[in-house]
Amino acid sequence: MVTVIQLLGIVKPETDKLKLKTNNQKLFRKEMQLFYYSVLFLFLIVVVFIFTSIYRGIFLIKSGTPWVPLKEKNIRRLLKLANLNENNIFYDLGSGEGRIVIIAAKEFKIKKAYGVEISLFLHWLAKLKVIFSRLSDKVNLKCENFFKTDLAEADVIICYLLPATLEKLKNKFLKELKPGAKILSFMFPIKGMEPEEVNRLLPDSPPIYVYRI
């Protein structure tokens, strides 16, 4: 009997040590997984930054229209000025990673928001954001050159483009847009078109040019 007790006394600590070792190993594996995921996440951020920088440089050279994301306060300013309603079909030309169409669909009453972006990388980044925001029923993203996009059904168009690009789009706007359709251009006017309104919050704030067909 003494021998059994002695054996139990020896085996129990050994079992506890084994459990502790197993738990430590599991904890170590979890910590290593967390470390690997953190490194992978940082790596993806670096990759996105590099691809975005390359895209901006190449696209600027090719088209003269760089991708410059608008601040959210300016996006909301544009959308409020557009006076959107539940019957409106809204287009963002050069929609980048989708921030304007997402805010429009989330916070403003619209029928449908279309984002047109030529960059495949930014297009798919916007797609992911729309899916995660659960806005696929209200947001439609097109990966194409906006000079080839049919704008006939658009009620409101927002653009943040350079003057040379806006001038090239002028004839397309006049030809395709229906009477009463609005164009809001952030920062730059459309040469050869008379704005209905030039909106400035402050004398030194960026202007928004509002045009009506």
N, C-alpha and C. Protein backbone atom coordinates (compact mmCIF):
# COMPACT_ATOMS: atom_id res chain seq x y z
N MET A 1 0.84 -1.22 0.00
CA MET A 1 0.00 0.00 0.00
C MET A 1 0.86 1.25 0.00
N VAL A 2 1.93 1.21 0.76
CA VAL A 2 2.84 2.35 0.81
C VAL A 2 3.46 2.57 -0.55
N THR A 3 3.74 1.49 -1.18
CA THR A 3 4.37 1.57 -2.50
C THR A 3 3.44 2.24 -3.51
N VAL A 4 2.14 1.90 -3.44
CA VAL A 4 1.15 2.52 -4.36
C VAL A 4 1.06 4.01 -4.12
N ILE A 5 1.00 4.40 -2.86
CA ILE A 5 0.92 5.83 -2.52
C ILE A 5 2.16 6.57 -2.99
N GLN A 6 3.26 5.91 -2.79
CA GLN A 6 4.52 6.51 -3.24
C GLN A 6 4.51 6.69 -4.76
N LEU A 7 4.01 5.64 -5.42
CA LEU A 7 3.93 5.72 -6.89
C LEU A 7 3.01 6.85 -7.34
N LEU A 8 1.86 6.94 -6.65
CA LEU A 8 0.92 8.02 -6.98
C LEU A 8 1.55 9.38 -6.74
N GLY A 9 2.28 9.49 -5.68
CA GLY A 9 2.97 10.73 -5.36
C GLY A 9 3.99 11.11 -6.40
N ILE A 10 4.56 10.12 -7.03
CA ILE A 10 5.57 10.38 -8.07
C ILE A 10 4.92 10.69 -9.41
N VAL A 11 3.87 9.92 -9.75
CA VAL A 11 3.22 10.04 -11.05
C VAL A 11 2.48 11.36 -11.19
N LYS A 12 1.78 11.78 -10.12
CA LYS A 12 0.97 13.00 -10.20
C LYS A 12 1.79 14.25 -10.56
N PRO A 13 2.92 14.48 -9.88
CA PRO A 13 3.74 15.64 -10.28
C PRO A 13 4.24 15.52 -11.70
N GLU A 14 4.56 14.31 -12.11
CA GLU A 14 5.03 14.12 -13.48
C GLU A 14 3.93 14.46 -14.48
N THR A 15 2.69 14.06 -14.14
CA THR A 15 1.54 14.37 -15.00
C THR A 15 1.29 15.87 -15.07
N ASP A 16 1.39 16.54 -13.95
CA ASP A 16 1.22 18.00 -13.89
C ASP A 16 2.27 18.71 -14.74
N LYS A 17 3.50 18.20 -14.66
CA LYS A 17 4.58 18.79 -15.45
C LYS A 17 4.31 18.64 -16.94
N LEU A 18 3.80 17.45 -17.31
CA LEU A 18 3.49 17.18 -18.72
C LEU A 18 2.39 18.10 -19.23
N LYS A 19 1.33 18.29 -18.39
CA LYS A 19 0.24 19.19 -18.76
C LYS A 19 0.73 20.62 -18.91
N LEU A 20 1.57 21.04 -17.97
CA LEU A 20 2.12 22.39 -18.01
C LEU A 20 2.96 22.60 -19.26
N LYS A 21 3.74 21.58 -19.59
CA LYS A 21 4.58 21.66 -20.79
C LYS A 21 3.72 21.75 -22.04
N THR A 22 2.66 20.94 -22.07
CA THR A 22 1.74 20.96 -23.22
C THR A 22 1.05 22.31 -23.37
N ASN A 23 0.61 22.86 -22.23
CA ASN A 23 -0.05 24.18 -22.25
C ASN A 23 0.91 25.27 -22.70
N ASN A 24 2.13 25.19 -22.25
CA ASN A 24 3.15 26.17 -22.65
C ASN A 24 3.42 26.09 -24.15
N GLN A 25 3.43 24.87 -24.66
CA GLN A 25 3.66 24.68 -26.10
C GLN A 25 2.51 25.27 -26.91
N LYS A 26 1.27 25.04 -26.44
CA LYS A 26 0.09 25.60 -27.13
C LYS A 26 0.13 27.12 -27.11
N LEU A 27 0.48 27.67 -25.94
CA LEU A 27 0.57 29.12 -25.81
C LEU A 27 1.64 29.69 -26.73
N PHE A 28 2.76 29.00 -26.81
CA PHE A 28 3.85 29.43 -27.68
C PHE A 28 3.43 29.42 -29.15
N ARG A 29 2.70 28.34 -29.54
CA ARG A 29 2.23 28.25 -30.93
C ARG A 29 1.26 29.39 -31.25
N LYS A 30 0.37 29.70 -30.31
CA LYS A 30 -0.58 30.81 -30.52
C LYS A 30 0.14 32.14 -30.66
N GLU A 31 1.13 32.34 -29.81
CA GLU A 31 1.91 33.59 -29.87
C GLU A 31 2.65 33.69 -31.19
N MET A 32 3.20 32.57 -31.66
CA MET A 32 3.92 32.56 -32.93
C MET A 32 2.97 32.83 -34.09
N GLN A 33 1.75 32.25 -34.02
CA GLN A 33 0.75 32.50 -35.07
C GLN A 33 0.38 33.98 -35.11
N LEU A 34 0.17 34.56 -33.93
CA LEU A 34 -0.16 35.98 -33.85
C LEU A 34 0.96 36.83 -34.43
N PHE A 35 2.20 36.44 -34.13
CA PHE A 35 3.36 37.15 -34.66
C PHE A 35 3.40 37.07 -36.18
N TYR A 36 3.18 35.86 -36.73
CA TYR A 36 3.20 35.68 -38.18
C TYR A 36 2.10 36.49 -38.85
N TYR A 37 0.89 36.46 -38.26
CA TYR A 37 -0.22 37.23 -38.83
C TYR A 37 0.07 38.73 -38.80
N SER A 38 0.70 39.19 -37.73
CA SER A 38 1.05 40.61 -37.61
C SER A 38 2.06 41.01 -38.69
N VAL A 39 3.06 40.14 -38.88
CA VAL A 39 4.07 40.40 -39.91
C VAL A 39 3.43 40.39 -41.29
N LEU A 40 2.52 39.42 -41.53
CA LEU A 40 1.83 39.35 -42.82
C LEU A 40 0.98 40.59 -43.05
N PHE A 41 0.29 41.05 -42.01
CA PHE A 41 -0.54 42.25 -42.13
C PHE A 41 0.30 43.47 -42.48
N LEU A 42 1.43 43.62 -41.79
CA LEU A 42 2.33 44.75 -42.07
C LEU A 42 2.89 44.65 -43.48
N PHE A 43 3.20 43.42 -43.90
CA PHE A 43 3.71 43.21 -45.25
C PHE A 43 2.67 43.63 -46.30
N LEU A 44 1.40 43.26 -46.06
CA LEU A 44 0.33 43.64 -46.99
C LEU A 44 0.15 45.15 -47.05
N ILE A 45 0.28 45.81 -45.90
CA ILE A 45 0.17 47.28 -45.88
C ILE A 45 1.27 47.90 -46.72
N VAL A 46 2.50 47.37 -46.58
CA VAL A 46 3.63 47.88 -47.37
C VAL A 46 3.39 47.64 -48.86
N VAL A 47 2.88 46.45 -49.21
CA VAL A 47 2.60 46.12 -50.61
C VAL A 47 1.55 47.07 -51.19
N VAL A 48 0.47 47.30 -50.40
CA VAL A 48 -0.58 48.22 -50.85
C VAL A 48 -0.01 49.62 -51.06
N PHE A 49 0.83 50.07 -50.14
CA PHE A 49 1.43 51.39 -50.26
C PHE A 49 2.30 51.49 -51.52
N ILE A 50 3.10 50.44 -51.77
CA ILE A 50 3.99 50.45 -52.94
C ILE A 50 3.17 50.45 -54.23
N PHE A 51 2.16 49.55 -54.31
CA PHE A 51 1.35 49.47 -55.52
C PHE A 51 0.58 50.77 -55.75
N THR A 52 0.08 51.35 -54.66
CA THR A 52 -0.65 52.61 -54.78
C THR A 52 0.26 53.72 -55.29
N SER A 53 1.47 53.78 -54.77
CA SER A 53 2.43 54.80 -55.21
C SER A 53 2.79 54.62 -56.68
N ILE A 54 3.02 53.36 -57.07
CA ILE A 54 3.35 53.08 -58.47
C ILE A 54 2.19 53.46 -59.37
N TYR A 55 0.97 53.06 -58.94
CA TYR A 55 -0.22 53.38 -59.73
C TYR A 55 -0.37 54.88 -59.93
N ARG A 56 -0.24 55.63 -58.83
CA ARG A 56 -0.43 57.08 -58.92
C ARG A 56 0.57 57.69 -59.89
N GLY A 57 1.82 57.22 -59.85
CA GLY A 57 2.84 57.76 -60.74
C GLY A 57 2.57 57.42 -62.19
N ILE A 58 2.25 56.14 -62.47
CA ILE A 58 2.01 55.69 -63.85
C ILE A 58 0.75 56.35 -64.42
N PHE A 59 -0.31 56.37 -63.61
CA PHE A 59 -1.57 56.93 -64.11
C PHE A 59 -1.46 58.43 -64.36
N LEU A 60 -0.69 59.11 -63.54
CA LEU A 60 -0.48 60.53 -63.76
C LEU A 60 0.24 60.78 -65.08
N ILE A 61 1.25 59.95 -65.37
CA ILE A 61 1.99 60.08 -66.62
C ILE A 61 1.10 59.80 -67.82
N LYS A 62 0.28 58.75 -67.72
CA LYS A 62 -0.55 58.33 -68.86
C LYS A 62 -1.72 59.25 -69.12
N SER A 63 -2.38 59.68 -68.05
CA SER A 63 -3.64 60.40 -68.24
C SER A 63 -3.63 61.84 -67.76
N GLY A 64 -2.65 62.18 -66.94
CA GLY A 64 -2.65 63.51 -66.36
C GLY A 64 -3.65 63.66 -65.24
N THR A 65 -4.23 62.53 -64.77
CA THR A 65 -5.22 62.56 -63.70
C THR A 65 -4.77 61.68 -62.55
N PRO A 66 -4.13 62.24 -61.55
CA PRO A 66 -3.67 61.42 -60.41
C PRO A 66 -4.83 61.04 -59.51
N TRP A 67 -4.67 59.96 -58.78
CA TRP A 67 -5.65 59.59 -57.78
C TRP A 67 -5.28 60.29 -56.47
N VAL A 68 -6.13 61.24 -56.09
CA VAL A 68 -5.92 61.97 -54.84
C VAL A 68 -7.20 61.83 -54.02
N PRO A 69 -7.20 61.00 -52.98
CA PRO A 69 -8.42 60.78 -52.19
C PRO A 69 -8.89 62.05 -51.50
N LEU A 70 -10.18 62.27 -51.53
CA LEU A 70 -10.77 63.42 -50.84
C LEU A 70 -10.95 63.11 -49.36
N LYS A 71 -10.84 64.13 -48.54
CA LYS A 71 -11.14 63.98 -47.12
C LYS A 71 -12.64 63.79 -46.96
N GLU A 72 -13.02 63.07 -45.91
CA GLU A 72 -14.43 62.76 -45.71
C GLU A 72 -15.29 64.01 -45.53
N LYS A 73 -14.74 65.03 -44.91
CA LYS A 73 -15.52 66.27 -44.73
C LYS A 73 -15.84 66.91 -46.07
N ASN A 74 -14.93 66.82 -47.03
CA ASN A 74 -15.18 67.36 -48.37
C ASN A 74 -16.13 66.47 -49.16
N ILE A 75 -16.07 65.17 -48.93
CA ILE A 75 -17.01 64.25 -49.58
C ILE A 75 -18.43 64.56 -49.14
N ARG A 76 -18.62 64.72 -47.84
CA ARG A 76 -19.97 65.01 -47.32
C ARG A 76 -20.44 66.39 -47.79
N ARG A 77 -19.52 67.30 -47.90
CA ARG A 77 -19.87 68.63 -48.42
C ARG A 77 -20.38 68.53 -49.86
N LEU A 78 -19.68 67.74 -50.68
CA LEU A 78 -20.10 67.51 -52.07
C LEU A 78 -21.48 66.87 -52.14
N LEU A 79 -21.67 65.82 -51.34
CA LEU A 79 -22.92 65.06 -51.40
C LEU A 79 -24.11 65.88 -50.87
N LYS A 80 -23.88 66.69 -49.86
CA LYS A 80 -24.96 67.56 -49.36
C LYS A 80 -25.34 68.59 -50.41
N LEU A 81 -24.33 69.11 -51.09
CA LEU A 81 -24.58 70.11 -52.13
C LEU A 81 -25.31 69.50 -53.32
N ALA A 82 -25.12 68.20 -53.55
CA ALA A 82 -25.78 67.52 -54.67
C ALA A 82 -27.28 67.36 -54.43
N ASN A 83 -27.68 67.48 -53.14
CA ASN A 83 -29.11 67.37 -52.78
C ASN A 83 -29.71 66.08 -53.33
N LEU A 84 -29.10 64.97 -52.96
CA LEU A 84 -29.52 63.66 -53.46
C LEU A 84 -30.86 63.22 -52.87
N ASN A 85 -31.58 62.41 -53.65
CA ASN A 85 -32.82 61.82 -53.14
C ASN A 85 -32.90 60.35 -53.56
N GLU A 86 -33.96 59.67 -53.09
CA GLU A 86 -34.06 58.22 -53.27
C GLU A 86 -34.27 57.79 -54.72
N ASN A 87 -34.52 58.73 -55.61
CA ASN A 87 -34.70 58.40 -57.03
C ASN A 87 -33.43 58.65 -57.86
N ASN A 88 -32.41 59.18 -57.22
CA ASN A 88 -31.20 59.57 -57.96
C ASN A 88 -30.25 58.40 -58.23
N ILE A 89 -29.69 58.44 -59.44
CA ILE A 89 -28.60 57.54 -59.80
C ILE A 89 -27.34 58.40 -59.86
N PHE A 90 -26.36 57.97 -59.09
CA PHE A 90 -25.19 58.80 -58.81
C PHE A 90 -23.93 58.15 -59.37
N TYR A 91 -23.07 58.97 -60.01
CA TYR A 91 -21.81 58.46 -60.58
C TYR A 91 -20.63 59.22 -59.98
N ASP A 92 -19.58 58.47 -59.67
CA ASP A 92 -18.30 59.07 -59.28
C ASP A 92 -17.27 58.65 -60.32
N LEU A 93 -16.77 59.61 -61.06
CA LEU A 93 -15.80 59.32 -62.13
C LEU A 93 -14.38 59.40 -61.57
N GLY A 94 -13.68 58.27 -61.64
CA GLY A 94 -12.38 58.16 -61.00
C GLY A 94 -12.58 57.89 -59.52
N SER A 95 -13.30 56.78 -59.23
CA SER A 95 -13.79 56.53 -57.87
C SER A 95 -12.74 55.96 -56.92
N GLY A 96 -11.54 55.64 -57.42
CA GLY A 96 -10.47 55.17 -56.53
C GLY A 96 -10.88 53.96 -55.73
N GLU A 97 -10.65 54.01 -54.40
CA GLU A 97 -10.98 52.87 -53.55
C GLU A 97 -12.39 52.96 -52.98
N GLY A 98 -13.23 53.79 -53.60
CA GLY A 98 -14.66 53.74 -53.33
C GLY A 98 -15.22 54.55 -52.18
N ARG A 99 -14.41 55.44 -51.62
CA ARG A 99 -14.89 56.13 -50.42
C ARG A 99 -16.11 57.01 -50.68
N ILE A 100 -16.20 57.65 -51.85
CA ILE A 100 -17.34 58.54 -52.12
C ILE A 100 -18.63 57.75 -52.30
N VAL A 101 -18.59 56.69 -53.12
CA VAL A 101 -19.82 55.91 -53.37
C VAL A 101 -20.28 55.21 -52.09
N ILE A 102 -19.34 54.80 -51.24
CA ILE A 102 -19.71 54.13 -49.99
C ILE A 102 -20.40 55.10 -49.04
N ILE A 103 -19.85 56.29 -48.90
CA ILE A 103 -20.49 57.30 -48.03
C ILE A 103 -21.85 57.71 -48.60
N ALA A 104 -21.93 57.84 -49.92
CA ALA A 104 -23.20 58.20 -50.56
C ALA A 104 -24.27 57.15 -50.28
N ALA A 105 -23.89 55.87 -50.39
CA ALA A 105 -24.85 54.78 -50.18
C ALA A 105 -25.22 54.62 -48.71
N LYS A 106 -24.27 54.90 -47.83
CA LYS A 106 -24.50 54.72 -46.39
C LYS A 106 -25.33 55.85 -45.79
N GLU A 107 -25.00 57.08 -46.15
CA GLU A 107 -25.51 58.23 -45.41
C GLU A 107 -26.53 59.08 -46.17
N PHE A 108 -26.68 58.85 -47.47
CA PHE A 108 -27.58 59.69 -48.26
C PHE A 108 -28.59 58.81 -49.00
N LYS A 109 -29.77 59.36 -49.17
CA LYS A 109 -30.83 58.60 -49.86
C LYS A 109 -30.58 58.62 -51.37
N ILE A 110 -30.18 57.48 -51.90
CA ILE A 110 -29.96 57.37 -53.34
C ILE A 110 -30.53 56.04 -53.83
N LYS A 111 -30.82 55.98 -55.11
CA LYS A 111 -31.30 54.74 -55.71
C LYS A 111 -30.14 53.80 -56.00
N LYS A 112 -29.06 54.36 -56.58
CA LYS A 112 -27.89 53.55 -56.93
C LYS A 112 -26.67 54.45 -57.06
N ALA A 113 -25.53 53.93 -56.62
CA ALA A 113 -24.26 54.67 -56.76
C ALA A 113 -23.33 53.85 -57.65
N TYR A 114 -22.76 54.50 -58.65
CA TYR A 114 -21.81 53.85 -59.56
C TYR A 114 -20.43 54.49 -59.37
N GLY A 115 -19.44 53.66 -59.21
CA GLY A 115 -18.07 54.14 -59.16
C GLY A 115 -17.30 53.62 -60.36
N VAL A 116 -16.68 54.53 -61.10
CA VAL A 116 -15.94 54.14 -62.31
C VAL A 116 -14.46 54.39 -62.08
N GLU A 117 -13.67 53.33 -62.15
CA GLU A 117 -12.23 53.41 -61.87
C GLU A 117 -11.46 52.53 -62.86
N ILE A 118 -10.42 53.09 -63.46
CA ILE A 118 -9.66 52.36 -64.47
C ILE A 118 -8.62 51.41 -63.87
N SER A 119 -8.18 51.68 -62.66
CA SER A 119 -7.16 50.85 -62.02
C SER A 119 -7.78 49.58 -61.46
N LEU A 120 -7.29 48.42 -61.92
CA LEU A 120 -7.80 47.13 -61.45
C LEU A 120 -7.55 46.97 -59.95
N PHE A 121 -6.39 47.41 -59.50
CA PHE A 121 -6.05 47.29 -58.08
C PHE A 121 -7.03 48.07 -57.20
N LEU A 122 -7.25 49.35 -57.54
CA LEU A 122 -8.18 50.18 -56.75
C LEU A 122 -9.62 49.69 -56.89
N HIS A 123 -9.97 49.20 -58.07
CA HIS A 123 -11.31 48.66 -58.30
C HIS A 123 -11.60 47.51 -57.33
N TRP A 124 -10.66 46.57 -57.21
CA TRP A 124 -10.88 45.41 -56.33
C TRP A 124 -10.79 45.80 -54.86
N LEU A 125 -9.98 46.78 -54.55
CA LEU A 125 -9.94 47.28 -53.18
C LEU A 125 -11.29 47.88 -52.81
N ALA A 126 -11.88 48.64 -53.74
CA ALA A 126 -13.21 49.22 -53.52
C ALA A 126 -14.26 48.11 -53.40
N LYS A 127 -14.14 47.07 -54.22
CA LYS A 127 -15.07 45.94 -54.17
C LYS A 127 -15.10 45.32 -52.78
N LEU A 128 -13.91 45.09 -52.23
CA LEU A 128 -13.82 44.49 -50.90
C LEU A 128 -14.47 45.39 -49.85
N LYS A 129 -14.22 46.69 -49.95
CA LYS A 129 -14.80 47.64 -49.00
C LYS A 129 -16.33 47.64 -49.09
N VAL A 130 -16.85 47.56 -50.30
CA VAL A 130 -18.31 47.53 -50.50
C VAL A 130 -18.91 46.26 -49.92
N ILE A 131 -18.25 45.13 -50.15
CA ILE A 131 -18.73 43.84 -49.62
C ILE A 131 -18.75 43.87 -48.10
N PHE A 132 -17.64 44.31 -47.49
CA PHE A 132 -17.55 44.36 -46.04
C PHE A 132 -18.54 45.36 -45.44
N SER A 133 -18.88 46.40 -46.21
CA SER A 133 -19.86 47.39 -45.75
C SER A 133 -21.30 46.95 -46.02
N ARG A 134 -21.47 45.80 -46.69
CA ARG A 134 -22.79 45.26 -47.03
C ARG A 134 -23.62 46.24 -47.84
N LEU A 135 -22.99 46.79 -48.87
CA LEU A 135 -23.65 47.78 -49.71
C LEU A 135 -23.74 47.34 -51.18
N SER A 136 -23.57 46.05 -51.42
CA SER A 136 -23.55 45.55 -52.80
C SER A 136 -24.85 45.81 -53.54
N ASP A 137 -25.96 45.93 -52.81
CA ASP A 137 -27.25 46.19 -53.45
C ASP A 137 -27.39 47.63 -53.91
N LYS A 138 -26.59 48.53 -53.33
CA LYS A 138 -26.70 49.95 -53.67
C LYS A 138 -25.52 50.51 -54.45
N VAL A 139 -24.41 49.78 -54.45
CA VAL A 139 -23.19 50.27 -55.10
C VAL A 139 -22.77 49.33 -56.22
N ASN A 140 -22.55 49.91 -57.38
CA ASN A 140 -22.07 49.15 -58.54
C ASN A 140 -20.74 49.76 -58.99
N LEU A 141 -19.71 48.93 -59.04
CA LEU A 141 -18.38 49.41 -59.40
C LEU A 141 -17.98 48.90 -60.79
N LYS A 142 -17.47 49.83 -61.60
CA LYS A 142 -17.05 49.48 -62.96
C LYS A 142 -15.56 49.73 -63.12
N CYS A 143 -14.85 48.73 -63.62
CA CYS A 143 -13.43 48.90 -63.89
C CYS A 143 -13.26 49.19 -65.37
N GLU A 144 -13.25 50.47 -65.69
CA GLU A 144 -13.16 50.88 -67.09
C GLU A 144 -12.75 52.34 -67.20
N ASN A 145 -12.44 52.75 -68.40
CA ASN A 145 -12.11 54.14 -68.69
C ASN A 145 -13.40 54.95 -68.69
N PHE A 146 -13.49 55.98 -67.86
CA PHE A 146 -14.76 56.71 -67.76
C PHE A 146 -15.12 57.45 -69.05
N PHE A 147 -14.18 57.62 -69.97
CA PHE A 147 -14.52 58.22 -71.26
C PHE A 147 -15.41 57.27 -72.08
N LYS A 148 -15.40 55.98 -71.73
CA LYS A 148 -16.21 54.99 -72.44
C LYS A 148 -17.47 54.59 -71.67
N THR A 149 -17.67 55.17 -70.50
CA THR A 149 -18.84 54.84 -69.67
C THR A 149 -20.08 55.57 -70.18
N ASP A 150 -21.18 54.84 -70.31
CA ASP A 150 -22.45 55.44 -70.71
C ASP A 150 -23.05 56.17 -69.50
N LEU A 151 -23.23 57.47 -69.62
CA LEU A 151 -23.72 58.29 -68.51
C LEU A 151 -25.18 58.70 -68.67
N ALA A 152 -25.88 58.05 -69.59
CA ALA A 152 -27.24 58.49 -69.94
C ALA A 152 -28.20 58.45 -68.76
N GLU A 153 -28.03 57.50 -67.83
CA GLU A 153 -28.99 57.38 -66.74
C GLU A 153 -28.59 58.18 -65.50
N ALA A 154 -27.44 58.84 -65.54
CA ALA A 154 -26.95 59.56 -64.36
C ALA A 154 -27.79 60.80 -64.05
N ASP A 155 -28.14 60.95 -62.78
CA ASP A 155 -28.80 62.17 -62.31
C ASP A 155 -27.77 63.15 -61.72
N VAL A 156 -26.76 62.58 -61.08
CA VAL A 156 -25.71 63.39 -60.44
C VAL A 156 -24.36 62.76 -60.73
N ILE A 157 -23.39 63.62 -61.11
CA ILE A 157 -22.02 63.15 -61.34
C ILE A 157 -21.09 63.98 -60.47
N ILE A 158 -20.19 63.28 -59.78
CA ILE A 158 -19.17 63.96 -58.99
C ILE A 158 -17.80 63.61 -59.57
N CYS A 159 -16.95 64.61 -59.68
CA CYS A 159 -15.60 64.34 -60.18
C CYS A 159 -14.59 65.27 -59.52
N TYR A 160 -13.41 64.71 -59.31
CA TYR A 160 -12.28 65.47 -58.79
C TYR A 160 -11.14 65.19 -59.77
N LEU A 161 -11.15 65.96 -60.86
CA LEU A 161 -10.24 65.72 -61.98
C LEU A 161 -9.54 67.00 -62.37
N LEU A 162 -8.44 66.87 -63.07
CA LEU A 162 -7.68 68.04 -63.51
C LEU A 162 -8.41 68.76 -64.65
N PRO A 163 -8.16 70.05 -64.82
CA PRO A 163 -8.87 70.84 -65.84
C PRO A 163 -8.81 70.26 -67.25
N ALA A 164 -7.65 69.72 -67.66
CA ALA A 164 -7.52 69.16 -69.00
C ALA A 164 -8.45 67.97 -69.20
N THR A 165 -8.58 67.14 -68.18
CA THR A 165 -9.47 65.98 -68.25
C THR A 165 -10.93 66.42 -68.26
N LEU A 166 -11.26 67.40 -67.44
CA LEU A 166 -12.63 67.93 -67.41
C LEU A 166 -13.02 68.53 -68.76
N GLU A 167 -12.08 69.21 -69.39
CA GLU A 167 -12.36 69.81 -70.70
C GLU A 167 -12.66 68.73 -71.73
N LYS A 168 -11.93 67.61 -71.64
CA LYS A 168 -12.17 66.50 -72.56
C LYS A 168 -13.52 65.84 -72.31
N LEU A 169 -13.99 65.88 -71.07
CA LEU A 169 -15.27 65.27 -70.71
C LEU A 169 -16.47 66.15 -71.06
N LYS A 170 -16.23 67.43 -71.30
CA LYS A 170 -17.33 68.39 -71.50
C LYS A 170 -18.30 67.94 -72.59
N ASN A 171 -17.79 67.60 -73.76
CA ASN A 171 -18.66 67.19 -74.87
C ASN A 171 -19.43 65.91 -74.53
N LYS A 172 -18.79 65.01 -73.80
CA LYS A 172 -19.46 63.78 -73.38
C LYS A 172 -20.63 64.10 -72.45
N PHE A 173 -20.40 65.01 -71.51
CA PHE A 173 -21.46 65.43 -70.60
C PHE A 173 -22.64 66.02 -71.38
N LEU A 174 -22.34 66.94 -72.28
CA LEU A 174 -23.39 67.63 -73.04
C LEU A 174 -24.14 66.67 -73.96
N LYS A 175 -23.44 65.66 -74.45
CA LYS A 175 -24.05 64.71 -75.39
C LYS A 175 -24.88 63.64 -74.68
N GLU A 176 -24.40 63.14 -73.57
CA GLU A 176 -25.01 61.95 -72.95
C GLU A 176 -25.95 62.24 -71.79
N LEU A 177 -25.69 63.29 -71.03
CA LEU A 177 -26.50 63.54 -69.83
C LEU A 177 -27.88 64.08 -70.18
N LYS A 178 -28.86 63.65 -69.40
CA LYS A 178 -30.24 64.10 -69.63
C LYS A 178 -30.45 65.51 -69.07
N PRO A 179 -31.44 66.22 -69.57
CA PRO A 179 -31.72 67.56 -69.04
C PRO A 179 -32.00 67.51 -67.53
N GLY A 180 -31.41 68.44 -66.80
CA GLY A 180 -31.59 68.50 -65.36
C GLY A 180 -30.51 67.77 -64.57
N ALA A 181 -29.70 66.97 -65.25
CA ALA A 181 -28.61 66.26 -64.57
C ALA A 181 -27.60 67.26 -64.03
N LYS A 182 -27.03 66.92 -62.86
CA LYS A 182 -26.06 67.82 -62.23
C LYS A 182 -24.66 67.23 -62.26
N ILE A 183 -23.68 68.12 -62.42
CA ILE A 183 -22.26 67.75 -62.34
C ILE A 183 -21.64 68.59 -61.23
N LEU A 184 -20.97 67.95 -60.31
CA LEU A 184 -20.25 68.66 -59.25
C LEU A 184 -18.76 68.38 -59.40
N SER A 185 -18.00 69.43 -59.64
CA SER A 185 -16.56 69.29 -59.82
C SER A 185 -15.83 69.95 -58.65
N PHE A 186 -15.07 69.13 -57.94
CA PHE A 186 -14.33 69.63 -56.79
C PHE A 186 -13.04 70.30 -57.25
N MET A 187 -12.82 71.50 -56.82
CA MET A 187 -11.57 72.26 -57.02
C MET A 187 -11.47 72.96 -58.37
N PHE A 188 -11.79 72.26 -59.48
CA PHE A 188 -11.53 72.82 -60.80
C PHE A 188 -12.81 73.01 -61.61
N PRO A 189 -12.89 74.12 -62.38
CA PRO A 189 -14.06 74.35 -63.25
C PRO A 189 -13.94 73.56 -64.55
N ILE A 190 -15.07 73.43 -65.23
CA ILE A 190 -15.09 72.81 -66.55
C ILE A 190 -15.05 73.93 -67.58
N LYS A 191 -13.96 74.01 -68.30
CA LYS A 191 -13.78 75.09 -69.27
C LYS A 191 -14.86 75.02 -70.35
N GLY A 192 -15.49 76.16 -70.60
CA GLY A 192 -16.52 76.22 -71.64
C GLY A 192 -17.93 75.97 -71.13
N MET A 193 -18.08 75.71 -69.82
CA MET A 193 -19.40 75.53 -69.23
C MET A 193 -19.59 76.54 -68.11
N GLU A 194 -20.80 77.06 -68.02
CA GLU A 194 -21.11 78.08 -67.01
C GLU A 194 -21.67 77.40 -65.76
N PRO A 195 -21.03 77.55 -64.62
CA PRO A 195 -21.56 76.91 -63.42
C PRO A 195 -22.84 77.57 -62.92
N GLU A 196 -23.73 76.73 -62.40
CA GLU A 196 -24.95 77.24 -61.77
C GLU A 196 -24.62 77.85 -60.42
N GLU A 197 -23.57 77.30 -59.79
CA GLU A 197 -23.16 77.77 -58.47
C GLU A 197 -21.68 77.44 -58.25
N VAL A 198 -21.00 78.34 -57.55
CA VAL A 198 -19.64 78.07 -57.08
C VAL A 198 -19.68 78.15 -55.57
N ASN A 199 -19.53 77.01 -54.92
CA ASN A 199 -19.71 76.93 -53.48
C ASN A 199 -18.38 76.96 -52.76
N ARG A 200 -18.27 77.86 -51.79
CA ARG A 200 -17.09 77.94 -50.92
C ARG A 200 -17.56 78.08 -49.48
N LEU A 201 -17.02 77.25 -48.60
CA LEU A 201 -17.36 77.40 -47.18
C LEU A 201 -16.71 78.66 -46.61
N LEU A 202 -15.46 78.87 -46.99
CA LEU A 202 -14.68 80.03 -46.57
C LEU A 202 -13.98 80.60 -47.80
N PRO A 203 -13.53 81.85 -47.74
CA PRO A 203 -12.86 82.44 -48.90
C PRO A 203 -11.66 81.62 -49.41
N ASP A 204 -10.96 80.94 -48.49
CA ASP A 204 -9.79 80.17 -48.91
C ASP A 204 -10.05 78.66 -49.00
N SER A 205 -11.31 78.25 -48.86
CA SER A 205 -11.63 76.81 -48.94
C SER A 205 -11.75 76.38 -50.40
N PRO A 206 -11.53 75.08 -50.70
CA PRO A 206 -11.61 74.60 -52.09
C PRO A 206 -13.02 74.80 -52.65
N PRO A 207 -13.13 75.33 -53.86
CA PRO A 207 -14.46 75.56 -54.43
C PRO A 207 -15.06 74.27 -54.99
N ILE A 208 -16.38 74.24 -55.01
CA ILE A 208 -17.12 73.19 -55.70
C ILE A 208 -17.95 73.85 -56.78
N TYR A 209 -17.72 73.42 -58.01
CA TYR A 209 -18.45 73.99 -59.17
C TYR A 209 -19.64 73.10 -59.48
N VAL A 210 -20.82 73.70 -59.47
CA VAL A 210 -22.06 72.96 -59.73
C VAL A 210 -22.59 73.34 -61.10
N TYR A 211 -22.79 72.35 -61.96
CA TYR A 211 -23.31 72.57 -63.31
C TYR A 211 -24.60 71.80 -63.48
N ARG A 212 -25.50 72.33 -64.27
CA ARG A 212 -26.75 71.64 -64.58
C ARG A 212 -26.94 71.62 -66.10
N ILE A 213 -27.27 70.47 -66.61
CA ILE A 213 -27.48 70.30 -68.06
C ILE A 213 -28.84 70.85 -68.46
